[in-house]
Each structure stands twice: as C-alpha cells, then as structure tokens.
mmCIF file of all heavy atoms, coordinates in Angstrom:
data_MODEL
# 
_entry.id   MODEL 
# 
loop_
_atom_site.group_PDB 
_atom_site.id 
_atom_site.type_symbol 
_atom_site.label_atom_id 
_atom_site.label_alt_id 
_atom_site.label_comp_id 
_atom_site.label_asym_id 
_atom_site.label_entity_id 
_atom_site.label_seq_id 
_atom_site.pdbx_PDB_ins_code 
_atom_site.Cartn_x 
_atom_site.Cartn_y 
_atom_site.Cartn_z 
_atom_site.occupancy 
_atom_site.B_iso_or_equiv 
_atom_site.pdbx_formal_charge 
_atom_site.auth_seq_id 
_atom_site.auth_comp_id 
_atom_site.auth_asym_id 
_atom_site.auth_atom_id 
_atom_site.pdbx_PDB_model_num 
ATOM 1   N N   . GLY A 1 1  ? 65.679 32.974 153.130 1.00 0.00 ? 1  GLY A N   1 
ATOM 2   C CA  . GLY A 1 1  ? 66.104 34.254 152.588 1.00 0.00 ? 1  GLY A CA  1 
ATOM 3   C C   . GLY A 1 1  ? 66.005 35.345 153.627 1.00 0.00 ? 1  GLY A C   1 
ATOM 4   O O   . GLY A 1 1  ? 66.045 35.083 154.836 1.00 0.00 ? 1  GLY A O   1 
ATOM 5   N N   . MET A 1 2  ? 65.890 36.583 153.160 1.00 0.00 ? 2  MET A N   1 
ATOM 6   C CA  . MET A 1 2  ? 65.779 37.760 154.021 1.00 0.00 ? 2  MET A CA  1 
ATOM 7   C C   . MET A 1 2  ? 64.472 38.478 153.735 1.00 0.00 ? 2  MET A C   1 
ATOM 8   O O   . MET A 1 2  ? 64.148 38.751 152.581 1.00 0.00 ? 2  MET A O   1 
ATOM 9   C CB  . MET A 1 2  ? 66.952 38.711 153.793 1.00 0.00 ? 2  MET A CB  1 
ATOM 10  C CG  . MET A 1 2  ? 66.932 39.936 154.684 1.00 0.00 ? 2  MET A CG  1 
ATOM 11  S SD  . MET A 1 2  ? 68.353 41.036 154.422 1.00 0.00 ? 2  MET A SD  1 
ATOM 12  C CE  . MET A 1 2  ? 69.670 40.049 155.128 1.00 0.00 ? 2  MET A CE  1 
ATOM 13  N N   . PHE A 1 3  ? 63.743 38.790 154.808 1.00 0.00 ? 3  PHE A N   1 
ATOM 14  C CA  . PHE A 1 3  ? 62.393 39.328 154.670 1.00 0.00 ? 3  PHE A CA  1 
ATOM 15  C C   . PHE A 1 3  ? 62.156 40.452 155.675 1.00 0.00 ? 3  PHE A C   1 
ATOM 16  O O   . PHE A 1 3  ? 62.684 40.420 156.793 1.00 0.00 ? 3  PHE A O   1 
ATOM 17  C CB  . PHE A 1 3  ? 61.354 38.224 154.916 1.00 0.00 ? 3  PHE A CB  1 
ATOM 18  C CG  . PHE A 1 3  ? 61.608 36.976 154.134 1.00 0.00 ? 3  PHE A CG  1 
ATOM 19  C CD1 . PHE A 1 3  ? 62.362 35.944 154.681 1.00 0.00 ? 3  PHE A CD1 1 
ATOM 20  C CD2 . PHE A 1 3  ? 61.127 36.841 152.837 1.00 0.00 ? 3  PHE A CD2 1 
ATOM 21  C CE1 . PHE A 1 3  ? 62.628 34.787 153.948 1.00 0.00 ? 3  PHE A CE1 1 
ATOM 22  C CE2 . PHE A 1 3  ? 61.388 35.696 152.098 1.00 0.00 ? 3  PHE A CE2 1 
ATOM 23  C CZ  . PHE A 1 3  ? 62.152 34.668 152.655 1.00 0.00 ? 3  PHE A CZ  1 
ATOM 24  N N   . ARG A 1 4  ? 61.334 41.402 155.292 1.00 0.00 ? 4  ARG A N   1 
ATOM 25  C CA  . ARG A 1 4  ? 60.882 42.392 156.257 1.00 0.00 ? 4  ARG A CA  1 
ATOM 26  C C   . ARG A 1 4  ? 59.913 41.739 157.242 1.00 0.00 ? 4  ARG A C   1 
ATOM 27  O O   . ARG A 1 4  ? 59.236 40.766 156.915 1.00 0.00 ? 4  ARG A O   1 
ATOM 28  C CB  . ARG A 1 4  ? 60.207 43.568 155.552 1.00 0.00 ? 4  ARG A CB  1 
ATOM 29  C CG  . ARG A 1 4  ? 61.196 44.462 154.811 1.00 0.00 ? 4  ARG A CG  1 
ATOM 30  C CD  . ARG A 1 4  ? 60.548 45.787 154.417 1.00 0.00 ? 4  ARG A CD  1 
ATOM 31  N NE  . ARG A 1 4  ? 61.529 46.689 153.831 1.00 0.00 ? 4  ARG A NE  1 
ATOM 32  C CZ  . ARG A 1 4  ? 61.764 46.804 152.531 1.00 0.00 ? 4  ARG A CZ  1 
ATOM 33  N NH1 . ARG A 1 4  ? 61.077 46.077 151.674 1.00 0.00 ? 4  ARG A NH1 1 
ATOM 34  N NH2 . ARG A 1 4  ? 62.679 47.641 152.089 1.00 0.00 ? 4  ARG A NH2 1 
ATOM 35  N N   . ILE A 1 5  ? 59.844 42.304 158.423 1.00 0.00 ? 5  ILE A N   1 
ATOM 36  C CA  . ILE A 1 5  ? 58.890 41.874 159.439 1.00 0.00 ? 5  ILE A CA  1 
ATOM 37  C C   . ILE A 1 5  ? 57.695 42.816 159.382 1.00 0.00 ? 5  ILE A C   1 
ATOM 38  O O   . ILE A 1 5  ? 57.851 44.042 159.431 1.00 0.00 ? 5  ILE A O   1 
ATOM 39  C CB  . ILE A 1 5  ? 59.538 41.868 160.833 1.00 0.00 ? 5  ILE A CB  1 
ATOM 40  C CG1 . ILE A 1 5  ? 60.563 40.728 160.908 1.00 0.00 ? 5  ILE A CG1 1 
ATOM 41  C CG2 . ILE A 1 5  ? 58.477 41.736 161.933 1.00 0.00 ? 5  ILE A CG2 1 
ATOM 42  C CD1 . ILE A 1 5  ? 61.370 40.698 162.182 1.00 0.00 ? 5  ILE A CD1 1 
ATOM 43  N N   . GLY A 1 6  ? 56.509 42.248 159.253 1.00 0.00 ? 6  GLY A N   1 
ATOM 44  C CA  . GLY A 1 6  ? 55.306 43.030 159.076 1.00 0.00 ? 6  GLY A CA  1 
ATOM 45  C C   . GLY A 1 6  ? 54.480 43.165 160.343 1.00 0.00 ? 6  GLY A C   1 
ATOM 46  O O   . GLY A 1 6  ? 55.004 43.213 161.461 1.00 0.00 ? 6  GLY A O   1 
ATOM 47  N N   . THR A 1 7  ? 53.182 43.183 160.175 1.00 0.00 ? 7  THR A N   1 
ATOM 48  C CA  . THR A 1 7  ? 52.237 43.422 161.259 1.00 0.00 ? 7  THR A CA  1 
ATOM 49  C C   . THR A 1 7  ? 52.206 42.276 162.250 1.00 0.00 ? 7  THR A C   1 
ATOM 50  O O   . THR A 1 7  ? 52.251 41.103 161.876 1.00 0.00 ? 7  THR A O   1 
ATOM 51  C CB  . THR A 1 7  ? 50.836 43.620 160.664 1.00 0.00 ? 7  THR A CB  1 
ATOM 52  O OG1 . THR A 1 7  ? 50.870 44.738 159.772 1.00 0.00 ? 7  THR A OG1 1 
ATOM 53  C CG2 . THR A 1 7  ? 49.795 43.874 161.745 1.00 0.00 ? 7  THR A CG2 1 
ATOM 54  N N   . ALA A 1 8  ? 52.115 42.605 163.522 1.00 0.00 ? 8  ALA A N   1 
ATOM 55  C CA  . ALA A 1 8  ? 51.838 41.609 164.550 1.00 0.00 ? 8  ALA A CA  1 
ATOM 56  C C   . ALA A 1 8  ? 50.329 41.359 164.592 1.00 0.00 ? 8  ALA A C   1 
ATOM 57  O O   . ALA A 1 8  ? 49.531 42.216 164.220 1.00 0.00 ? 8  ALA A O   1 
ATOM 58  C CB  . ALA A 1 8  ? 52.328 42.096 165.905 1.00 0.00 ? 8  ALA A CB  1 
ATOM 59  N N   . PHE A 1 9  ? 49.956 40.175 165.044 1.00 0.00 ? 9  PHE A N   1 
ATOM 60  C CA  . PHE A 1 9  ? 48.532 39.840 165.108 1.00 0.00 ? 9  PHE A CA  1 
ATOM 61  C C   . PHE A 1 9  ? 48.292 38.918 166.299 1.00 0.00 ? 9  PHE A C   1 
ATOM 62  O O   . PHE A 1 9  ? 49.231 38.368 166.889 1.00 0.00 ? 9  PHE A O   1 
ATOM 63  C CB  . PHE A 1 9  ? 48.069 39.156 163.816 1.00 0.00 ? 9  PHE A CB  1 
ATOM 64  C CG  . PHE A 1 9  ? 48.800 37.878 163.494 1.00 0.00 ? 9  PHE A CG  1 
ATOM 65  C CD1 . PHE A 1 9  ? 48.436 36.674 164.080 1.00 0.00 ? 9  PHE A CD1 1 
ATOM 66  C CD2 . PHE A 1 9  ? 49.862 37.875 162.605 1.00 0.00 ? 9  PHE A CD2 1 
ATOM 67  C CE1 . PHE A 1 9  ? 49.110 35.497 163.798 1.00 0.00 ? 9  PHE A CE1 1 
ATOM 68  C CE2 . PHE A 1 9  ? 50.550 36.711 162.310 1.00 0.00 ? 9  PHE A CE2 1 
ATOM 69  C CZ  . PHE A 1 9  ? 50.175 35.519 162.913 1.00 0.00 ? 9  PHE A CZ  1 
ATOM 70  N N   . GLY A 1 10 ? 47.023 38.748 166.640 1.00 0.00 ? 10 GLY A N   1 
ATOM 71  C CA  . GLY A 1 10 ? 46.705 37.847 167.734 1.00 0.00 ? 10 GLY A CA  1 
ATOM 72  C C   . GLY A 1 10 ? 45.233 37.842 168.064 1.00 0.00 ? 10 GLY A C   1 
ATOM 73  O O   . GLY A 1 10 ? 44.424 38.485 167.407 1.00 0.00 ? 10 GLY A O   1 
ATOM 74  N N   . TYR A 1 11 ? 44.915 37.100 169.108 1.00 0.00 ? 11 TYR A N   1 
ATOM 75  C CA  . TYR A 1 11 ? 43.528 36.968 169.532 1.00 0.00 ? 11 TYR A CA  1 
ATOM 76  C C   . TYR A 1 11 ? 43.104 38.092 170.475 1.00 0.00 ? 11 TYR A C   1 
ATOM 77  O O   . TYR A 1 11 ? 41.929 38.433 170.547 1.00 0.00 ? 11 TYR A O   1 
ATOM 78  C CB  . TYR A 1 11 ? 43.323 35.639 170.251 1.00 0.00 ? 11 TYR A CB  1 
ATOM 79  C CG  . TYR A 1 11 ? 43.580 34.393 169.422 1.00 0.00 ? 11 TYR A CG  1 
ATOM 80  C CD1 . TYR A 1 11 ? 43.647 33.142 170.029 1.00 0.00 ? 11 TYR A CD1 1 
ATOM 81  C CD2 . TYR A 1 11 ? 43.756 34.450 168.035 1.00 0.00 ? 11 TYR A CD2 1 
ATOM 82  C CE1 . TYR A 1 11 ? 43.873 31.992 169.295 1.00 0.00 ? 11 TYR A CE1 1 
ATOM 83  C CE2 . TYR A 1 11 ? 43.990 33.314 167.297 1.00 0.00 ? 11 TYR A CE2 1 
ATOM 84  C CZ  . TYR A 1 11 ? 44.054 32.076 167.934 1.00 0.00 ? 11 TYR A CZ  1 
ATOM 85  O OH  . TYR A 1 11 ? 44.289 30.941 167.199 1.00 0.00 ? 11 TYR A OH  1 
ATOM 86  N N   . ALA A 1 12 ? 44.062 38.660 171.208 1.00 0.00 ? 12 ALA A N   1 
ATOM 87  C CA  . ALA A 1 12 ? 43.746 39.705 172.180 1.00 0.00 ? 12 ALA A CA  1 
ATOM 88  C C   . ALA A 1 12 ? 43.493 41.036 171.474 1.00 0.00 ? 12 ALA A C   1 
ATOM 89  O O   . ALA A 1 12 ? 43.931 41.261 170.345 1.00 0.00 ? 12 ALA A O   1 
ATOM 90  C CB  . ALA A 1 12 ? 44.889 39.858 173.175 1.00 0.00 ? 12 ALA A CB  1 
ATOM 91  N N   . ASP A 1 13 ? 42.805 41.936 172.178 1.00 0.00 ? 13 ASP A N   1 
ATOM 92  C CA  . ASP A 1 13 ? 42.556 43.268 171.625 1.00 0.00 ? 13 ASP A CA  1 
ATOM 93  C C   . ASP A 1 13 ? 43.848 44.053 171.461 1.00 0.00 ? 13 ASP A C   1 
ATOM 94  O O   . ASP A 1 13 ? 43.961 44.899 170.570 1.00 0.00 ? 13 ASP A O   1 
ATOM 95  C CB  . ASP A 1 13 ? 41.590 44.049 172.525 1.00 0.00 ? 13 ASP A CB  1 
ATOM 96  C CG  . ASP A 1 13 ? 40.177 43.497 172.481 1.00 0.00 ? 13 ASP A CG  1 
ATOM 97  O OD1 . ASP A 1 13 ? 39.828 42.816 171.495 1.00 0.00 ? 13 ASP A OD1 1 
ATOM 98  O OD2 . ASP A 1 13 ? 39.423 43.726 173.451 1.00 0.00 ? 13 ASP A OD2 1 
ATOM 99  N N   . ASP A 1 14 ? 44.825 43.775 172.316 1.00 0.00 ? 14 ASP A N   1 
ATOM 100 C CA  . ASP A 1 14 ? 46.094 44.492 172.257 1.00 0.00 ? 14 ASP A CA  1 
ATOM 101 C C   . ASP A 1 14 ? 47.174 43.604 172.861 1.00 0.00 ? 14 ASP A C   1 
ATOM 102 O O   . ASP A 1 14 ? 46.877 42.700 173.654 1.00 0.00 ? 14 ASP A O   1 
ATOM 103 C CB  . ASP A 1 14 ? 45.993 45.798 173.049 1.00 0.00 ? 14 ASP A CB  1 
ATOM 104 C CG  . ASP A 1 14 ? 47.104 46.779 172.720 1.00 0.00 ? 14 ASP A CG  1 
ATOM 105 O OD1 . ASP A 1 14 ? 47.829 46.537 171.727 1.00 0.00 ? 14 ASP A OD1 1 
ATOM 106 O OD2 . ASP A 1 14 ? 47.256 47.761 173.451 1.00 0.00 ? 14 ASP A OD2 1 
ATOM 107 N N   . VAL A 1 15 ? 48.428 43.843 172.482 1.00 0.00 ? 15 VAL A N   1 
ATOM 108 C CA  . VAL A 1 15 ? 49.558 43.128 173.065 1.00 0.00 ? 15 VAL A CA  1 
ATOM 109 C C   . VAL A 1 15 ? 50.694 44.123 173.290 1.00 0.00 ? 15 VAL A C   1 
ATOM 110 O O   . VAL A 1 15 ? 50.689 45.228 172.747 1.00 0.00 ? 15 VAL A O   1 
ATOM 111 C CB  . VAL A 1 15 ? 50.056 41.973 172.159 1.00 0.00 ? 15 VAL A CB  1 
ATOM 112 C CG1 . VAL A 1 15 ? 48.992 40.921 171.976 1.00 0.00 ? 15 VAL A CG1 1 
ATOM 113 C CG2 . VAL A 1 15 ? 50.543 42.495 170.818 1.00 0.00 ? 15 VAL A CG2 1 
ATOM 114 N N   . ALA A 1 16 ? 51.680 43.699 174.078 1.00 0.00 ? 16 ALA A N   1 
ATOM 115 C CA  . ALA A 1 16 ? 52.825 44.555 174.384 1.00 0.00 ? 16 ALA A CA  1 
ATOM 116 C C   . ALA A 1 16 ? 53.831 44.488 173.245 1.00 0.00 ? 16 ALA A C   1 
ATOM 117 O O   . ALA A 1 16 ? 54.747 43.662 173.243 1.00 0.00 ? 16 ALA A O   1 
ATOM 118 C CB  . ALA A 1 16 ? 53.464 44.111 175.695 1.00 0.00 ? 16 ALA A CB  1 
ATOM 119 N N   . THR A 1 17 ? 53.642 45.337 172.247 1.00 0.00 ? 17 THR A N   1 
ATOM 120 C CA  . THR A 1 17 ? 54.568 45.413 171.124 1.00 0.00 ? 17 THR A CA  1 
ATOM 121 C C   . THR A 1 17 ? 54.495 46.800 170.498 1.00 0.00 ? 17 THR A C   1 
ATOM 122 O O   . THR A 1 17 ? 53.437 47.440 170.521 1.00 0.00 ? 17 THR A O   1 
ATOM 123 C CB  . THR A 1 17 ? 54.262 44.342 170.059 1.00 0.00 ? 17 THR A CB  1 
ATOM 124 O OG1 . THR A 1 17 ? 55.277 44.373 169.051 1.00 0.00 ? 17 THR A OG1 1 
ATOM 125 C CG2 . THR A 1 17 ? 52.900 44.544 169.422 1.00 0.00 ? 17 THR A CG2 1 
ATOM 126 N N   . ALA A 1 18 ? 55.632 47.231 169.942 1.00 0.00 ? 18 ALA A N   1 
ATOM 127 C CA  . ALA A 1 18 ? 55.660 48.487 169.196 1.00 0.00 ? 18 ALA A CA  1 
ATOM 128 C C   . ALA A 1 18 ? 55.309 48.276 167.734 1.00 0.00 ? 18 ALA A C   1 
ATOM 129 O O   . ALA A 1 18 ? 55.081 49.246 167.003 1.00 0.00 ? 18 ALA A O   1 
ATOM 130 C CB  . ALA A 1 18 ? 57.044 49.130 169.311 1.00 0.00 ? 18 ALA A CB  1 
ATOM 131 N N   . LEU A 1 19 ? 55.272 47.023 167.285 1.00 0.00 ? 19 LEU A N   1 
ATOM 132 C CA  . LEU A 1 19 ? 54.876 46.735 165.911 1.00 0.00 ? 19 LEU A CA  1 
ATOM 133 C C   . LEU A 1 19 ? 53.415 47.130 165.701 1.00 0.00 ? 19 LEU A C   1 
ATOM 134 O O   . LEU A 1 19 ? 52.616 47.084 166.644 1.00 0.00 ? 19 LEU A O   1 
ATOM 135 C CB  . LEU A 1 19 ? 55.027 45.247 165.607 1.00 0.00 ? 19 LEU A CB  1 
ATOM 136 C CG  . LEU A 1 19 ? 56.425 44.655 165.567 1.00 0.00 ? 19 LEU A CG  1 
ATOM 137 C CD1 . LEU A 1 19 ? 56.350 43.134 165.372 1.00 0.00 ? 19 LEU A CD1 1 
ATOM 138 C CD2 . LEU A 1 19 ? 57.265 45.292 164.469 1.00 0.00 ? 19 LEU A CD2 1 
ATOM 139 N N   . PRO A 1 20 ? 53.037 47.484 164.484 1.00 0.00 ? 20 PRO A N   1 
ATOM 140 C CA  . PRO A 1 20 ? 51.601 47.629 164.213 1.00 0.00 ? 20 PRO A CA  1 
ATOM 141 C C   . PRO A 1 20 ? 50.909 46.316 164.540 1.00 0.00 ? 20 PRO A C   1 
ATOM 142 O O   . PRO A 1 20 ? 51.448 45.241 164.237 1.00 0.00 ? 20 PRO A O   1 
ATOM 143 C CB  . PRO A 1 20 ? 51.544 47.962 162.724 1.00 0.00 ? 20 PRO A CB  1 
ATOM 144 C CG  . PRO A 1 20 ? 52.878 47.558 162.173 1.00 0.00 ? 20 PRO A CG  1 
ATOM 145 C CD  . PRO A 1 20 ? 53.865 47.687 163.279 1.00 0.00 ? 20 PRO A CD  1 
ATOM 146 N N   . TYR A 1 21 ? 49.756 46.387 165.176 1.00 0.00 ? 21 TYR A N   1 
ATOM 147 C CA  . TYR A 1 21 ? 49.088 45.181 165.670 1.00 0.00 ? 21 TYR A CA  1 
ATOM 148 C C   . TYR A 1 21 ? 47.657 45.113 165.163 1.00 0.00 ? 21 TYR A C   1 
ATOM 149 O O   . TYR A 1 21 ? 46.942 46.118 165.160 1.00 0.00 ? 21 TYR A O   1 
ATOM 150 C CB  . TYR A 1 21 ? 49.086 45.151 167.198 1.00 0.00 ? 21 TYR A CB  1 
ATOM 151 C CG  . TYR A 1 21 ? 48.343 43.981 167.789 1.00 0.00 ? 21 TYR A CG  1 
ATOM 152 C CD1 . TYR A 1 21 ? 48.918 42.717 167.803 1.00 0.00 ? 21 TYR A CD1 1 
ATOM 153 C CD2 . TYR A 1 21 ? 47.059 44.136 168.311 1.00 0.00 ? 21 TYR A CD2 1 
ATOM 154 C CE1 . TYR A 1 21 ? 48.231 41.629 168.330 1.00 0.00 ? 21 TYR A CE1 1 
ATOM 155 C CE2 . TYR A 1 21 ? 46.371 43.059 168.842 1.00 0.00 ? 21 TYR A CE2 1 
ATOM 156 C CZ  . TYR A 1 21 ? 46.958 41.796 168.852 1.00 0.00 ? 21 TYR A CZ  1 
ATOM 157 O OH  . TYR A 1 21 ? 46.271 40.719 169.358 1.00 0.00 ? 21 TYR A OH  1 
ATOM 158 N N   . ALA A 1 22 ? 47.259 43.922 164.722 1.00 0.00 ? 22 ALA A N   1 
ATOM 159 C CA  . ALA A 1 22 ? 45.894 43.687 164.251 1.00 0.00 ? 22 ALA A CA  1 
ATOM 160 C C   . ALA A 1 22 ? 45.260 42.587 165.103 1.00 0.00 ? 22 ALA A C   1 
ATOM 161 O O   . ALA A 1 22 ? 45.765 41.453 165.130 1.00 0.00 ? 22 ALA A O   1 
ATOM 162 C CB  . ALA A 1 22 ? 45.902 43.278 162.783 1.00 0.00 ? 22 ALA A CB  1 
ATOM 163 N N   . ALA A 1 23 ? 44.190 42.929 165.805 1.00 0.00 ? 23 ALA A N   1 
ATOM 164 C CA  . ALA A 1 23 ? 43.434 41.937 166.569 1.00 0.00 ? 23 ALA A CA  1 
ATOM 165 C C   . ALA A 1 23 ? 42.543 41.162 165.598 1.00 0.00 ? 23 ALA A C   1 
ATOM 166 O O   . ALA A 1 23 ? 41.749 41.753 164.865 1.00 0.00 ? 23 ALA A O   1 
ATOM 167 C CB  . ALA A 1 23 ? 42.597 42.623 167.638 1.00 0.00 ? 23 ALA A CB  1 
ATOM 168 N N   . MET A 1 24 ? 42.694 39.848 165.590 1.00 0.00 ? 24 MET A N   1 
ATOM 169 C CA  . MET A 1 24 ? 41.965 39.017 164.649 1.00 0.00 ? 24 MET A CA  1 
ATOM 170 C C   . MET A 1 24 ? 40.557 38.701 165.164 1.00 0.00 ? 24 MET A C   1 
ATOM 171 O O   . MET A 1 24 ? 40.331 38.559 166.363 1.00 0.00 ? 24 MET A O   1 
ATOM 172 C CB  . MET A 1 24 ? 42.722 37.714 164.397 1.00 0.00 ? 24 MET A CB  1 
ATOM 173 C CG  . MET A 1 24 ? 44.086 37.890 163.740 1.00 0.00 ? 24 MET A CG  1 
ATOM 174 S SD  . MET A 1 24 ? 44.000 38.429 161.999 1.00 0.00 ? 24 MET A SD  1 
ATOM 175 C CE  . MET A 1 24 ? 44.292 40.203 162.146 1.00 0.00 ? 24 MET A CE  1 
ATOM 176 N N   . SER A 1 25 ? 39.624 38.589 164.219 1.00 0.00 ? 25 SER A N   1 
ATOM 177 C CA  . SER A 1 25 ? 38.245 38.228 164.548 1.00 0.00 ? 25 SER A CA  1 
ATOM 178 C C   . SER A 1 25 ? 37.871 36.940 163.829 1.00 0.00 ? 25 SER A C   1 
ATOM 179 O O   . SER A 1 25 ? 38.640 36.432 162.995 1.00 0.00 ? 25 SER A O   1 
ATOM 180 C CB  . SER A 1 25 ? 37.293 39.352 164.132 1.00 0.00 ? 25 SER A CB  1 
ATOM 181 O OG  . SER A 1 25 ? 37.220 39.427 162.714 1.00 0.00 ? 25 SER A OG  1 
ATOM 182 N N   . ALA A 1 26 ? 36.710 36.426 164.124 1.00 0.00 ? 26 ALA A N   1 
ATOM 183 C CA  . ALA A 1 26 ? 36.265 35.162 163.524 1.00 0.00 ? 26 ALA A CA  1 
ATOM 184 C C   . ALA A 1 26 ? 36.129 35.248 162.016 1.00 0.00 ? 26 ALA A C   1 
ATOM 185 O O   . ALA A 1 26 ? 36.166 34.229 161.321 1.00 0.00 ? 26 ALA A O   1 
ATOM 186 C CB  . ALA A 1 26 ? 34.930 34.744 164.138 1.00 0.00 ? 26 ALA A CB  1 
ATOM 187 N N   . SER A 1 27 ? 36.016 36.446 161.475 1.00 0.00 ? 27 SER A N   1 
ATOM 188 C CA  . SER A 1 27 ? 35.823 36.606 160.028 1.00 0.00 ? 27 SER A CA  1 
ATOM 189 C C   . SER A 1 27 ? 37.119 36.915 159.280 1.00 0.00 ? 27 SER A C   1 
ATOM 190 O O   . SER A 1 27 ? 37.091 37.139 158.074 1.00 0.00 ? 27 SER A O   1 
ATOM 191 C CB  . SER A 1 27 ? 34.789 37.707 159.752 1.00 0.00 ? 27 SER A CB  1 
ATOM 192 O OG  . SER A 1 27 ? 35.166 38.913 160.350 1.00 0.00 ? 27 SER A OG  1 
# 
C-alpha cells in the first residue's frame, strides 16, 4: 500500500538525515 515515512533510527548518536532521528538504546 501507501504509507507515510516516519522517524529514522539507529545505533549511532546521530546520522546524516533531515528526518527526525532517534538514537536507540539497550532499553
């Protein structure tokens, strides 16, 4: 189908993106 694109996420504290970004933690 068709979907909005939401938050970017990853293991690093920051990444090269204009999307809102959430750095993931062990919890």
